[in-house]
């Protein structure tokens, strides 16, 4: 059974940015990340999945990041398989069998294959209801899955234009969440909206220098998420395919584009933007 890709996007997807992996990196690198026994949020006595969950991911993909975060929150162990976008591994015959659209992330759970991050999260919520990512309240549930702004920014766009559109989206989110936000986006409990927001904010600040002091509600939500061990375990720099050179993590600027859900054909080299300390 193959679950079809949903062409739905939550909140904003400002820039699909990717980094390049070393040429000698193995095609697929495996690990089990944040087992259910390690997840402090595990509140349910539900048994572990009967089949092994496999996530096809890329370390700097924000779309893959939110799926890693969700899996950790639900206490679901999974096998990580890296897809090197820079080497075109999304076009390999093996990966094409999983997703003919050549997009990541892709989740495999037994004989079920799901692509698109929102589709994956909805599948996980249905199949593994422990540590729910959607509230019972219908109004808040609708808010968690509401499509607000969709931004598709291509490789030709300049950083200033990208920053303008990200801030435009964040401003709209501030207004949308002002009546529902508390510790998290829709109250005191973490739900799906937070799973989407936290990686997006991290990307906005880390890659595009967005000043979050303009967005106090989003900043508070992000700080709450950032403190969670499940979020820390999902960080790009903690993934097995992250580029580490002499104790540092390499981040590439917006000149490098390899789409994570909708823009996957652009694969050219770009100058290195900056290096951040590996411990950060």
C-alpha atoms as a PDB file:
ATOM      1  CA  UNK A   1       0.000   0.000   0.000  1.00  0.00           C
ATOM      2  CA  UNK A   2       1.377   3.397  -0.967  1.00  0.00           C
ATOM      3  CA  UNK A   3      -0.098   6.485   0.613  1.00  0.00           C
ATOM      4  CA  UNK A   4      -0.315   9.214  -2.053  1.00  0.00           C
ATOM      5  CA  UNK A   5       1.617  12.453  -1.675  1.00  0.00           C
ATOM      6  CA  UNK A   6      -0.485  15.346  -0.392  1.00  0.00           C
ATOM      7  CA  UNK A   7       0.218  18.705  -1.993  1.00  0.00           C
ATOM      8  CA  UNK A   8      -0.448  20.568   1.253  1.00  0.00           C
ATOM      9  CA  UNK A   9       1.851  22.916   3.150  1.00  0.00           C
ATOM     10  CA  UNK A  10       1.511  24.076   6.743  1.00  0.00           C
ATOM     11  CA  UNK A  11       2.216  27.704   7.512  1.00  0.00           C
ATOM     12  CA  UNK A  12       5.266  28.969   5.621  1.00  0.00           C
ATOM     13  CA  UNK A  13       7.884  27.158   3.651  1.00  0.00           C
ATOM     14  CA  UNK A  14      10.122  30.112   2.883  1.00  0.00           C
ATOM     15  CA  UNK A  15      13.279  28.630   1.357  1.00  0.00           C
ATOM     16  CA  UNK A  16      14.217  25.071   0.591  1.00  0.00           C
ATOM     17  CA  UNK A  17      17.928  25.095   1.296  1.00  0.00           C
ATOM     18  CA  UNK A  18      20.323  22.170   1.266  1.00  0.00           C
ATOM     19  CA  UNK A  19      23.981  21.584   1.978  1.00  0.00           C
ATOM     20  CA  UNK A  20      26.419  19.392   0.076  1.00  0.00           C
ATOM     21  CA  UNK A  21      27.731  16.159   1.497  1.00  0.00           C
ATOM     22  CA  UNK A  22      31.314  14.905   1.030  1.00  0.00           C
ATOM     23  CA  UNK A  23      31.806  12.937  -2.152  1.00  0.00           C
ATOM     24  CA  UNK A  24      33.005   9.879  -0.253  1.00  0.00           C
ATOM     25  CA  UNK A  25      29.984   9.780   2.027  1.00  0.00           C
ATOM     26  CA  UNK A  26      28.100   6.500   1.972  1.00  0.00           C
ATOM     27  CA  UNK A  27      24.915   6.544  -0.054  1.00  0.00           C
ATOM     28  CA  UNK A  28      22.759   5.671   2.916  1.00  0.00           C
ATOM     29  CA  UNK A  29      23.861   5.976   6.525  1.00  0.00           C
ATOM     30  CA  UNK A  30      21.806   4.200   9.149  1.00  0.00           C
ATOM     31  CA  UNK A  31      21.128   4.899  12.772  1.00  0.00           C
ATOM     32  CA  UNK A  32      18.298   4.622  15.252  1.00  0.00           C
ATOM     33  CA  UNK A  33      17.466   8.035  16.680  1.00  0.00           C
ATOM     34  CA  UNK A  34      15.790   8.729  20.033  1.00  0.00           C
ATOM     35  CA  UNK A  35      14.279   5.395  20.973  1.00  0.00           C
ATOM     36  CA  UNK A  36      10.988   5.337  22.838  1.00  0.00           C
ATOM     37  CA  UNK A  37      12.824   4.441  26.026  1.00  0.00           C
ATOM     38  CA  UNK A  38      14.875   7.651  25.738  1.00  0.00           C
ATOM     39  CA  UNK A  39      11.937   9.943  25.098  1.00  0.00           C
ATOM     40  CA  UNK A  40      10.793  11.671  28.313  1.00  0.00           C
ATOM     41  CA  UNK A  41       7.513  12.651  26.684  1.00  0.00           C
ATOM     42  CA  UNK A  42       6.456   8.999  26.389  1.00  0.00           C
ATOM     43  CA  UNK A  43       3.143   8.930  28.243  1.00  0.00           C
ATOM     44  CA  UNK A  44       1.400   5.977  26.667  1.00  0.00           C
ATOM     45  CA  UNK A  45       1.822   2.276  27.340  1.00  0.00           C
ATOM     46  CA  UNK A  46       1.161   1.442  23.699  1.00  0.00           C
ATOM     47  CA  UNK A  47       3.544  -1.200  22.344  1.00  0.00           C
ATOM     48  CA  UNK A  48       6.297  -0.225  19.887  1.00  0.00           C
ATOM     49  CA  UNK A  49       5.522  -0.485  16.172  1.00  0.00           C
ATOM     50  CA  UNK A  50       5.374  -4.039  14.866  1.00  0.00           C
ATOM     51  CA  UNK A  51       7.470  -3.089  11.839  1.00  0.00           C
ATOM     52  CA  UNK A  52      10.616  -1.000  11.720  1.00  0.00           C
ATOM     53  CA  UNK A  53      10.023   2.626  10.752  1.00  0.00           C
ATOM     54  CA  UNK A  54      12.506   3.983   8.222  1.00  0.00           C
ATOM     55  CA  UNK A  55      12.877   7.700   7.463  1.00  0.00           C
ATOM     56  CA  UNK A  56      14.570   8.848   4.271  1.00  0.00           C
ATOM     57  CA  UNK A  57      15.929  12.215   5.254  1.00  0.00           C
ATOM     58  CA  UNK A  58      18.503  14.909   4.598  1.00  0.00           C
ATOM     59  CA  UNK A  59      20.143  16.617   7.524  1.00  0.00           C
ATOM     60  CA  UNK A  60      19.409  20.230   6.470  1.00  0.00           C
ATOM     61  CA  UNK A  61      15.910  19.617   5.144  1.00  0.00           C
ATOM     62  CA  UNK A  62      13.445  21.467   7.366  1.00  0.00           C
ATOM     63  CA  UNK A  63      10.706  19.195   6.040  1.00  0.00           C
ATOM     64  CA  UNK A  64      12.624  16.138   7.218  1.00  0.00           C
ATOM     65  CA  UNK A  65      13.450  17.921  10.475  1.00  0.00           C
ATOM     66  CA  UNK A  66       9.798  18.267  11.469  1.00  0.00           C
ATOM     67  CA  UNK A  67       9.245  14.548  10.854  1.00  0.00           C
ATOM     68  CA  UNK A  68      12.248  13.662  13.030  1.00  0.00           C
ATOM     69  CA  UNK A  69      10.859  15.945  15.747  1.00  0.00           C
ATOM     70  CA  UNK A  70       7.429  14.297  15.537  1.00  0.00           C
ATOM     71  CA  UNK A  71       8.849  10.772  15.686  1.00  0.00           C
ATOM     72  CA  UNK A  72      10.838  11.713  18.784  1.00  0.00           C
ATOM     73  CA  UNK A  73       7.812  13.291  20.449  1.00  0.00           C
ATOM     74  CA  UNK A  74       5.802  10.133  19.859  1.00  0.00           C
ATOM     75  CA  UNK A  75       8.615   7.996  21.222  1.00  0.00           C
ATOM     76  CA  UNK A  76       8.910   6.018  18.003  1.00  0.00           C
ATOM     77  CA  UNK A  77      12.336   4.527  17.228  1.00  0.00           C
ATOM     78  CA  UNK A  78      13.285   4.733  13.590  1.00  0.00           C
ATOM     79  CA  UNK A  79      16.060   3.998  11.165  1.00  0.00           C
ATOM     80  CA  UNK A  80      17.581   7.045   9.486  1.00  0.00           C
ATOM     81  CA  UNK A  81      18.560   6.758   5.823  1.00  0.00           C
ATOM     82  CA  UNK A  82      20.342   9.709   4.342  1.00  0.00           C
ATOM     83  CA  UNK A  83      19.501  10.828   0.799  1.00  0.00           C
ATOM     84  CA  UNK A  84      22.346  12.917  -0.604  1.00  0.00           C
ATOM     85  CA  UNK A  85      20.533  15.534  -2.673  1.00  0.00           C
ATOM     86  CA  UNK A  86      23.761  17.059  -3.949  1.00  0.00           C
ATOM     87  CA  UNK A  87      24.752  13.733  -5.505  1.00  0.00           C
ATOM     88  CA  UNK A  88      21.273  13.233  -6.944  1.00  0.00           C
ATOM     89  CA  UNK A  89      20.474  10.185  -4.838  1.00  0.00           C
ATOM     90  CA  UNK A  90      16.802  11.201  -4.900  1.00  0.00           C
ATOM     91  CA  UNK A  91      16.901  10.107  -8.556  1.00  0.00           C
ATOM     92  CA  UNK A  92      18.352   6.676  -7.851  1.00  0.00           C
ATOM     93  CA  UNK A  93      16.304   3.636  -8.930  1.00  0.00           C
ATOM     94  CA  UNK A  94      15.992   2.539  -5.285  1.00  0.00           C
ATOM     95  CA  UNK A  95      14.566   5.865  -4.154  1.00  0.00           C
ATOM     96  CA  UNK A  96      12.362   6.261  -7.238  1.00  0.00           C
ATOM     97  CA  UNK A  97      10.532   3.097  -6.245  1.00  0.00           C
ATOM     98  CA  UNK A  98       9.610   4.811  -2.979  1.00  0.00           C
ATOM     99  CA  UNK A  99       8.671   8.183  -4.447  1.00  0.00           C
ATOM    100  CA  UNK A 100       8.574   8.681  -8.231  1.00  0.00           C
ATOM    101  CA  UNK A 101       8.444  12.435  -7.579  1.00  0.00           C
ATOM    102  CA  UNK A 102      11.983  12.216  -6.112  1.00  0.00           C
ATOM    103  CA  UNK A 103      11.075  14.245  -3.019  1.00  0.00           C
ATOM    104  CA  UNK A 104      12.037  13.897   0.636  1.00  0.00           C
ATOM    105  CA  UNK A 105      11.129  13.131   3.349  1.00  0.00           C
ATOM    106  CA  UNK A 106       9.764   9.646   2.813  1.00  0.00           C
ATOM    107  CA  UNK A 107       8.659   7.374   5.637  1.00  0.00           C
ATOM    108  CA  UNK A 108       8.406   3.604   5.298  1.00  0.00           C
ATOM    109  CA  UNK A 109       6.441   1.691   7.921  1.00  0.00           C
ATOM    110  CA  UNK A 110       6.228  -1.967   6.953  1.00  0.00           C
ATOM    111  CA  UNK A 111       4.489  -2.024   3.573  1.00  0.00           C
ATOM    112  CA  UNK A 112       3.244   1.564   3.876  1.00  0.00           C
ATOM    113  CA  UNK A 113       5.197   4.314   2.115  1.00  0.00           C
ATOM    114  CA  UNK A 114       4.306   7.939   2.831  1.00  0.00           C
ATOM    115  CA  UNK A 115       5.882  11.077   1.375  1.00  0.00           C
ATOM    116  CA  UNK A 116       5.337  14.785   2.125  1.00  0.00           C
ATOM    117  CA  UNK A 117       5.911  15.870   5.717  1.00  0.00           C
ATOM    118  CA  UNK A 118       2.293  16.760   6.486  1.00  0.00           C
ATOM    119  CA  UNK A 119       1.055  13.466   5.060  1.00  0.00           C
ATOM    120  CA  UNK A 120       3.651  11.658   7.179  1.00  0.00           C
ATOM    121  CA  UNK A 121       2.598  13.460  10.352  1.00  0.00           C
ATOM    122  CA  UNK A 122      -1.076  12.762   9.712  1.00  0.00           C
ATOM    123  CA  UNK A 123      -0.257   9.089   9.107  1.00  0.00           C
ATOM    124  CA  UNK A 124       1.746   8.894  12.351  1.00  0.00           C
ATOM    125  CA  UNK A 125      -1.075  10.566  14.258  1.00  0.00           C
ATOM    126  CA  UNK A 126      -3.581   8.033  12.958  1.00  0.00           C
ATOM    127  CA  UNK A 127      -1.386   4.943  13.318  1.00  0.00           C
ATOM    128  CA  UNK A 128       0.353   5.880  16.571  1.00  0.00           C
ATOM    129  CA  UNK A 129      -2.033   8.050  18.620  1.00  0.00           C
ATOM    130  CA  UNK A 130       0.165   8.126  21.738  1.00  0.00           C
ATOM    131  CA  UNK A 131       1.451  11.609  22.622  1.00  0.00           C
ATOM    132  CA  UNK A 132      -1.100  13.177  20.299  1.00  0.00           C
ATOM    133  CA  UNK A 133       0.012  15.939  17.962  1.00  0.00           C
ATOM    134  CA  UNK A 134      -3.549  17.162  17.368  1.00  0.00           C
ATOM    135  CA  UNK A 135      -5.807  18.457  20.148  1.00  0.00           C
ATOM    136  CA  UNK A 136      -9.319  17.158  20.741  1.00  0.00           C
ATOM    137  CA  UNK A 137     -10.763  20.662  20.495  1.00  0.00           C
ATOM    138  CA  UNK A 138     -11.979  21.059  16.901  1.00  0.00           C
ATOM    139  CA  UNK A 139     -11.139  24.758  16.655  1.00  0.00           C
ATOM    140  CA  UNK A 140      -7.574  24.206  17.839  1.00  0.00           C
ATOM    141  CA  UNK A 141      -7.242  21.146  15.637  1.00  0.00           C
ATOM    142  CA  UNK A 142      -8.208  23.236  12.602  1.00  0.00           C
ATOM    143  CA  UNK A 143      -5.666  25.863  13.621  1.00  0.00           C
ATOM    144  CA  UNK A 144      -2.945  23.225  13.839  1.00  0.00           C
ATOM    145  CA  UNK A 145      -3.481  22.058  10.270  1.00  0.00           C
ATOM    146  CA  UNK A 146      -4.410  25.385   8.701  1.00  0.00           C
ATOM    147  CA  UNK A 147      -2.651  26.411   5.542  1.00  0.00           C
ATOM    148  CA  UNK A 148      -1.734  30.026   6.005  1.00  0.00           C
ATOM    149  CA  UNK A 149       0.992  31.061   3.620  1.00  0.00           C
ATOM    150  CA  UNK A 150       2.818  29.144   0.962  1.00  0.00           C
ATOM    151  CA  UNK A 151       6.084  30.583  -0.223  1.00  0.00           C
ATOM    152  CA  UNK A 152       8.055  28.865  -2.944  1.00  0.00           C
ATOM    153  CA  UNK A 153      11.321  30.717  -3.421  1.00  0.00           C
ATOM    154  CA  UNK A 154      13.622  29.633  -6.194  1.00  0.00           C
ATOM    155  CA  UNK A 155      17.403  29.842  -6.488  1.00  0.00           C
ATOM    156  CA  UNK A 156      17.380  33.158  -8.336  1.00  0.00           C
ATOM    157  CA  UNK A 157      15.836  35.078  -5.468  1.00  0.00           C
ATOM    158  CA  UNK A 158      18.028  37.372  -3.417  1.00  0.00           C
ATOM    159  CA  UNK A 159      18.426  37.096   0.321  1.00  0.00           C
ATOM    160  CA  UNK A 160      16.732  40.442   0.973  1.00  0.00           C
ATOM    161  CA  UNK A 161      13.651  39.316  -0.946  1.00  0.00           C
ATOM    162  CA  UNK A 162      13.621  36.030   0.953  1.00  0.00           C
ATOM    163  CA  UNK A 163      13.884  37.825   4.289  1.00  0.00           C
ATOM    164  CA  UNK A 164      10.985  40.077   3.348  1.00  0.00           C
ATOM    165  CA  UNK A 165       8.750  37.099   2.588  1.00  0.00           C
ATOM    166  CA  UNK A 166       9.751  35.178   5.704  1.00  0.00           C
ATOM    167  CA  UNK A 167       8.987  38.184   7.884  1.00  0.00           C
ATOM    168  CA  UNK A 168       5.710  38.718   6.076  1.00  0.00           C
ATOM    169  CA  UNK A 169       4.743  35.140   6.930  1.00  0.00           C
ATOM    170  CA  UNK A 170       5.891  35.424  10.530  1.00  0.00           C
ATOM    171  CA  UNK A 171       3.899  38.629  10.955  1.00  0.00           C
ATOM    172  CA  UNK A 172       0.785  36.805   9.786  1.00  0.00           C
ATOM    173  CA  UNK A 173       1.490  33.948  12.183  1.00  0.00           C
ATOM    174  CA  UNK A 174       1.857  36.366  15.089  1.00  0.00           C
ATOM    175  CA  UNK A 175      -1.642  37.657  14.367  1.00  0.00           C
ATOM    176  CA  UNK A 176      -3.108  34.210  13.813  1.00  0.00           C
ATOM    177  CA  UNK A 177      -1.771  32.764  17.052  1.00  0.00           C
ATOM    178  CA  UNK A 178      -2.186  35.744  19.372  1.00  0.00           C
ATOM    179  CA  UNK A 179      -5.422  34.410  20.896  1.00  0.00           C
ATOM    180  CA  UNK A 180      -4.401  30.762  21.172  1.00  0.00           C
ATOM    181  CA  UNK A 181      -0.693  30.769  21.988  1.00  0.00           C
ATOM    182  CA  UNK A 182       0.638  30.145  25.474  1.00  0.00           C
ATOM    183  CA  UNK A 183       3.720  28.036  26.083  1.00  0.00           C
ATOM    184  CA  UNK A 184       3.111  26.532  22.652  1.00  0.00           C
ATOM    185  CA  UNK A 185       1.237  27.620  19.536  1.00  0.00           C
ATOM    186  CA  UNK A 186      -2.229  26.504  20.608  1.00  0.00           C
ATOM    187  CA  UNK A 187      -1.938  26.375  24.381  1.00  0.00           C
ATOM    188  CA  UNK A 188       0.061  24.689  27.110  1.00  0.00           C
ATOM    189  CA  UNK A 189       0.459  21.423  25.194  1.00  0.00           C
ATOM    190  CA  UNK A 190       2.714  20.853  22.197  1.00  0.00           C
ATOM    191  CA  UNK A 191       0.902  19.915  18.992  1.00  0.00           C
ATOM    192  CA  UNK A 192       1.484  19.670  15.268  1.00  0.00           C
ATOM    193  CA  UNK A 193       1.679  23.425  14.684  1.00  0.00           C
ATOM    194  CA  UNK A 194       4.726  23.547  16.962  1.00  0.00           C
ATOM    195  CA  UNK A 195       6.323  20.645  15.121  1.00  0.00           C
ATOM    196  CA  UNK A 196       6.114  22.697  11.930  1.00  0.00           C
ATOM    197  CA  UNK A 197       6.987  26.039  13.453  1.00  0.00           C
ATOM    198  CA  UNK A 198      10.111  25.209  15.442  1.00  0.00           C
ATOM    199  CA  UNK A 199      12.306  23.979  12.555  1.00  0.00           C
ATOM    200  CA  UNK A 200      11.015  26.802  10.352  1.00  0.00           C
ATOM    201  CA  UNK A 201      12.011  29.433  12.905  1.00  0.00           C
ATOM    202  CA  UNK A 202      15.392  27.785  13.394  1.00  0.00           C
ATOM    203  CA  UNK A 203      16.014  27.927   9.649  1.00  0.00           C
ATOM    204  CA  UNK A 204      14.840  31.550   9.462  1.00  0.00           C
ATOM    205  CA  UNK A 205      17.200  32.681  12.210  1.00  0.00           C
ATOM    206  CA  UNK A 206      20.150  30.415  11.467  1.00  0.00           C
ATOM    207  CA  UNK A 207      20.307  30.762   7.688  1.00  0.00           C
ATOM    208  CA  UNK A 208      18.538  34.010   6.925  1.00  0.00           C
ATOM    209  CA  UNK A 209      19.276  36.185   9.958  1.00  0.00           C
ATOM    210  CA  UNK A 210      15.654  36.960  10.778  1.00  0.00           C
ATOM    211  CA  UNK A 211      15.296  39.185  13.841  1.00  0.00           C
ATOM    212  CA  UNK A 212      12.857  37.293  16.044  1.00  0.00           C
ATOM    213  CA  UNK A 213      12.475  40.182  18.494  1.00  0.00           C
ATOM    214  CA  UNK A 214       9.807  41.418  16.071  1.00  0.00           C
ATOM    215  CA  UNK A 215       7.809  38.258  16.731  1.00  0.00           C
ATOM    216  CA  UNK A 216       7.503  37.714  20.506  1.00  0.00           C
ATOM    217  CA  UNK A 217       4.801  35.049  20.271  1.00  0.00           C
ATOM    218  CA  UNK A 218       6.779  32.930  17.815  1.00  0.00           C
ATOM    219  CA  UNK A 219       9.943  33.478  19.846  1.00  0.00           C
ATOM    220  CA  UNK A 220       8.271  32.160  23.000  1.00  0.00           C
ATOM    221  CA  UNK A 221       6.983  29.100  21.152  1.00  0.00           C
ATOM    222  CA  UNK A 222      10.416  28.416  19.718  1.00  0.00           C
ATOM    223  CA  UNK A 223      12.147  28.717  23.084  1.00  0.00           C
ATOM    224  CA  UNK A 224       9.674  26.222  24.561  1.00  0.00           C
ATOM    225  CA  UNK A 225      10.331  23.741  21.753  1.00  0.00           C
ATOM    226  CA  UNK A 226      14.075  24.295  21.816  1.00  0.00           C
ATOM    227  CA  UNK A 227      14.245  23.188  25.444  1.00  0.00           C
ATOM    228  CA  UNK A 228      12.798  19.754  24.639  1.00  0.00           C
ATOM    229  CA  UNK A 229      15.221  16.816  24.336  1.00  0.00           C
ATOM    230  CA  UNK A 230      13.109  15.518  21.443  1.00  0.00           C
ATOM    231  CA  UNK A 231      13.807  18.722  19.538  1.00  0.00           C
ATOM    232  CA  UNK A 232      17.491  18.652  20.412  1.00  0.00           C
ATOM    233  CA  UNK A 233      17.752  15.079  19.116  1.00  0.00           C
ATOM    234  CA  UNK A 234      16.189  16.174  15.808  1.00  0.00           C
ATOM    235  CA  UNK A 235      18.660  19.022  15.170  1.00  0.00           C
ATOM    236  CA  UNK A 236      20.332  18.899  11.742  1.00  0.00           C
ATOM    237  CA  UNK A 237      23.842  18.872  13.192  1.00  0.00           C
ATOM    238  CA  UNK A 238      23.008  15.752  15.218  1.00  0.00           C
ATOM    239  CA  UNK A 239      22.073  13.691  12.159  1.00  0.00           C
ATOM    240  CA  UNK A 240      24.540  11.104  10.848  1.00  0.00           C
ATOM    241  CA  UNK A 241      24.884  12.773   7.432  1.00  0.00           C
ATOM    242  CA  UNK A 242      25.716  16.239   8.805  1.00  0.00           C
ATOM    243  CA  UNK A 243      29.003  17.636   7.539  1.00  0.00           C
ATOM    244  CA  UNK A 244      31.540  17.839  10.313  1.00  0.00           C
ATOM    245  CA  UNK A 245      35.061  19.069   9.601  1.00  0.00           C
ATOM    246  CA  UNK A 246      37.540  19.490  12.456  1.00  0.00           C
ATOM    247  CA  UNK A 247      34.784  19.829  14.994  1.00  0.00           C
ATOM    248  CA  UNK A 248      32.759  22.347  13.012  1.00  0.00           C
ATOM    249  CA  UNK A 249      29.490  22.219  11.153  1.00  0.00           C
ATOM    250  CA  UNK A 250      29.359  23.680   7.655  1.00  0.00           C
ATOM    251  CA  UNK A 251      26.283  25.661   6.673  1.00  0.00           C
ATOM    252  CA  UNK A 252      25.697  26.748   3.109  1.00  0.00           C
ATOM    253  CA  UNK A 253      24.066  29.971   2.094  1.00  0.00           C
ATOM    254  CA  UNK A 254      20.878  30.454   0.080  1.00  0.00           C
ATOM    255  CA  UNK A 255      22.803  30.012  -3.171  1.00  0.00           C
ATOM    256  CA  UNK A 256      22.542  26.266  -2.624  1.00  0.00           C
ATOM    257  CA  UNK A 257      19.072  24.978  -3.375  1.00  0.00           C
ATOM    258  CA  UNK A 258      17.972  21.389  -3.425  1.00  0.00           C
ATOM    259  CA  UNK A 259      14.340  21.154  -2.621  1.00  0.00           C
ATOM    260  CA  UNK A 260      13.026  19.071   0.155  1.00  0.00           C
ATOM    261  CA  UNK A 261       9.461  18.759  -0.934  1.00  0.00           C
ATOM    262  CA  UNK A 262       8.848  20.773  -4.066  1.00  0.00           C
ATOM    263  CA  UNK A 263      12.131  22.020  -5.525  1.00  0.00           C
ATOM    264  CA  UNK A 264      14.621  19.214  -5.987  1.00  0.00           C
ATOM    265  CA  UNK A 265      16.282  19.750  -9.333  1.00  0.00           C
ATOM    266  CA  UNK A 266      18.618  22.625  -8.516  1.00  0.00           C
ATOM    267  CA  UNK A 267      22.012  21.198  -7.626  1.00  0.00           C
ATOM    268  CA  UNK A 268      24.864  23.600  -8.232  1.00  0.00           C
ATOM    269  CA  UNK A 269      27.755  24.615  -6.025  1.00  0.00           C
ATOM    270  CA  UNK A 270      27.628  27.838  -4.057  1.00  0.00           C
ATOM    271  CA  UNK A 271      30.102  29.596  -1.786  1.00  0.00           C
ATOM    272  CA  UNK A 272      30.252  28.561   1.821  1.00  0.00           C
ATOM    273  CA  UNK A 273      28.225  30.998   3.898  1.00  0.00           C
ATOM    274  CA  UNK A 274      29.683  30.460   7.334  1.00  0.00           C
ATOM    275  CA  UNK A 275      30.977  27.946   9.813  1.00  0.00           C
ATOM    276  CA  UNK A 276      29.405  27.576  13.237  1.00  0.00           C
ATOM    277  CA  UNK A 277      30.881  25.809  16.236  1.00  0.00           C
ATOM    278  CA  UNK A 278      29.889  22.137  16.256  1.00  0.00           C
ATOM    279  CA  UNK A 279      28.854  22.334  19.900  1.00  0.00           C
ATOM    280  CA  UNK A 280      26.177  24.961  19.221  1.00  0.00           C
END
